[in-house]
Amino acid sequence: MSELAVEGVIMTRHRHSKEMTGSIQPDNLSSMTTGVEDGCVKTVIRSQNIRSVIASVDDYLMNLGIAEEICSYALH
């Protein structure tokens, strides 16, 4: 029996979503994809283990907060 994959999707709206995406993508793990969709930054995190998804979401949100702060200073 194969394990089911766990998936987490995070969509956040930003004034400069393209720049935010470029800022956050380098921190992605191989199990993560980030792009722009409908003016939002959309990141999908997949794993076979829910704990890995939760840990990745936690790290991603911290990185997203830092990227948002940097972009707010650089793009004003």
Protein backbone atom coordinates (compact mmCIF):
# COMPACT_ATOMS: atom_id res chain seq x y z
CA MET A 1 0.00 0.00 0.00
CA SER A 2 1.50 3.37 -1.00
CA GLU A 3 1.41 6.37 1.29
CA LEU A 4 -0.77 9.31 0.39
CA ALA A 5 0.99 12.57 -0.25
CA VAL A 6 0.29 15.51 2.02
CA GLU A 7 0.02 18.90 0.36
CA GLY A 8 -0.06 22.41 1.78
CA VAL A 9 -0.96 25.45 -0.34
CA ILE A 10 -0.23 28.99 0.81
CA MET A 11 -1.48 31.98 -1.17
CA THR A 12 -0.64 35.50 -0.03
CA ARG A 13 -1.50 38.76 -1.77
CA HIS A 14 1.29 41.29 -2.12
CA ARG A 15 1.57 44.65 -3.83
CA HIS A 16 4.67 43.39 -5.68
CA SER A 17 3.90 39.67 -5.97
CA LYS A 18 6.41 39.06 -8.79
CA GLU A 19 9.27 40.53 -6.76
CA MET A 20 8.14 38.65 -3.65
CA THR A 21 8.12 35.40 -5.60
CA GLY A 22 11.66 36.04 -6.85
CA SER A 23 12.76 36.84 -3.32
CA ILE A 24 11.26 33.75 -1.69
CA GLN A 25 11.97 31.08 -4.35
CA PRO A 26 15.69 30.61 -3.58
CA ASP A 27 14.75 29.31 -0.12
CA ASN A 28 12.44 26.60 -1.53
CA LEU A 29 13.19 22.98 -0.81
CA SER A 30 12.85 20.43 -3.63
CA SER A 31 9.36 19.60 -2.36
CA MET A 32 8.18 23.21 -2.84
CA THR A 33 7.04 25.23 -5.85
CA THR A 34 6.40 28.97 -5.80
CA GLY A 35 4.84 31.16 -8.46
CA VAL A 36 2.49 34.05 -9.08
CA GLU A 37 -1.22 33.33 -9.48
CA ASP A 38 -3.99 35.96 -9.66
CA GLY A 39 -1.72 38.62 -8.13
CA CYS A 40 -0.76 36.35 -5.25
CA VAL A 41 2.35 34.45 -4.31
CA LYS A 42 1.34 30.78 -4.36
CA THR A 43 3.53 28.12 -2.78
CA VAL A 44 2.74 24.41 -2.79
CA ILE A 45 4.51 22.09 -0.37
CA ARG A 46 4.28 18.32 -0.83
CA SER A 47 5.58 15.46 1.27
CA GLN A 48 4.75 11.93 2.35
CA ASN A 49 4.90 13.11 5.96
CA ILE A 50 2.60 15.69 7.57
CA ARG A 51 5.33 16.73 10.02
CA SER A 52 7.58 17.67 7.10
CA VAL A 53 4.83 19.79 5.55
CA ILE A 54 4.16 21.53 8.87
CA ALA A 55 7.87 22.24 9.42
CA SER A 56 8.24 23.51 5.85
CA VAL A 57 5.18 25.77 6.20
CA ASP A 58 6.60 27.18 9.43
CA ASP A 59 9.98 27.92 7.81
CA TYR A 60 8.32 29.31 4.69
CA LEU A 61 6.16 31.74 6.67
CA MET A 62 9.22 33.06 8.50
CA ASN A 63 11.07 33.52 5.18
CA LEU A 64 7.99 35.15 3.64
CA GLY A 65 7.82 37.68 6.48
CA ILE A 66 11.46 38.59 6.02
CA ALA A 67 11.09 38.87 2.23
CA GLU A 68 8.00 41.06 2.64
CA GLU A 69 9.86 43.41 4.97
CA ILE A 70 12.84 43.67 2.62
CA CYS A 71 10.61 44.24 -0.43
CA SER A 72 8.64 46.93 1.41
CA TYR A 73 11.86 48.90 1.95
CA ALA A 74 13.40 48.24 -1.46
CA LEU A 75 10.29 48.87 -3.59
CA HIS A 76 9.02 52.12 -2.08
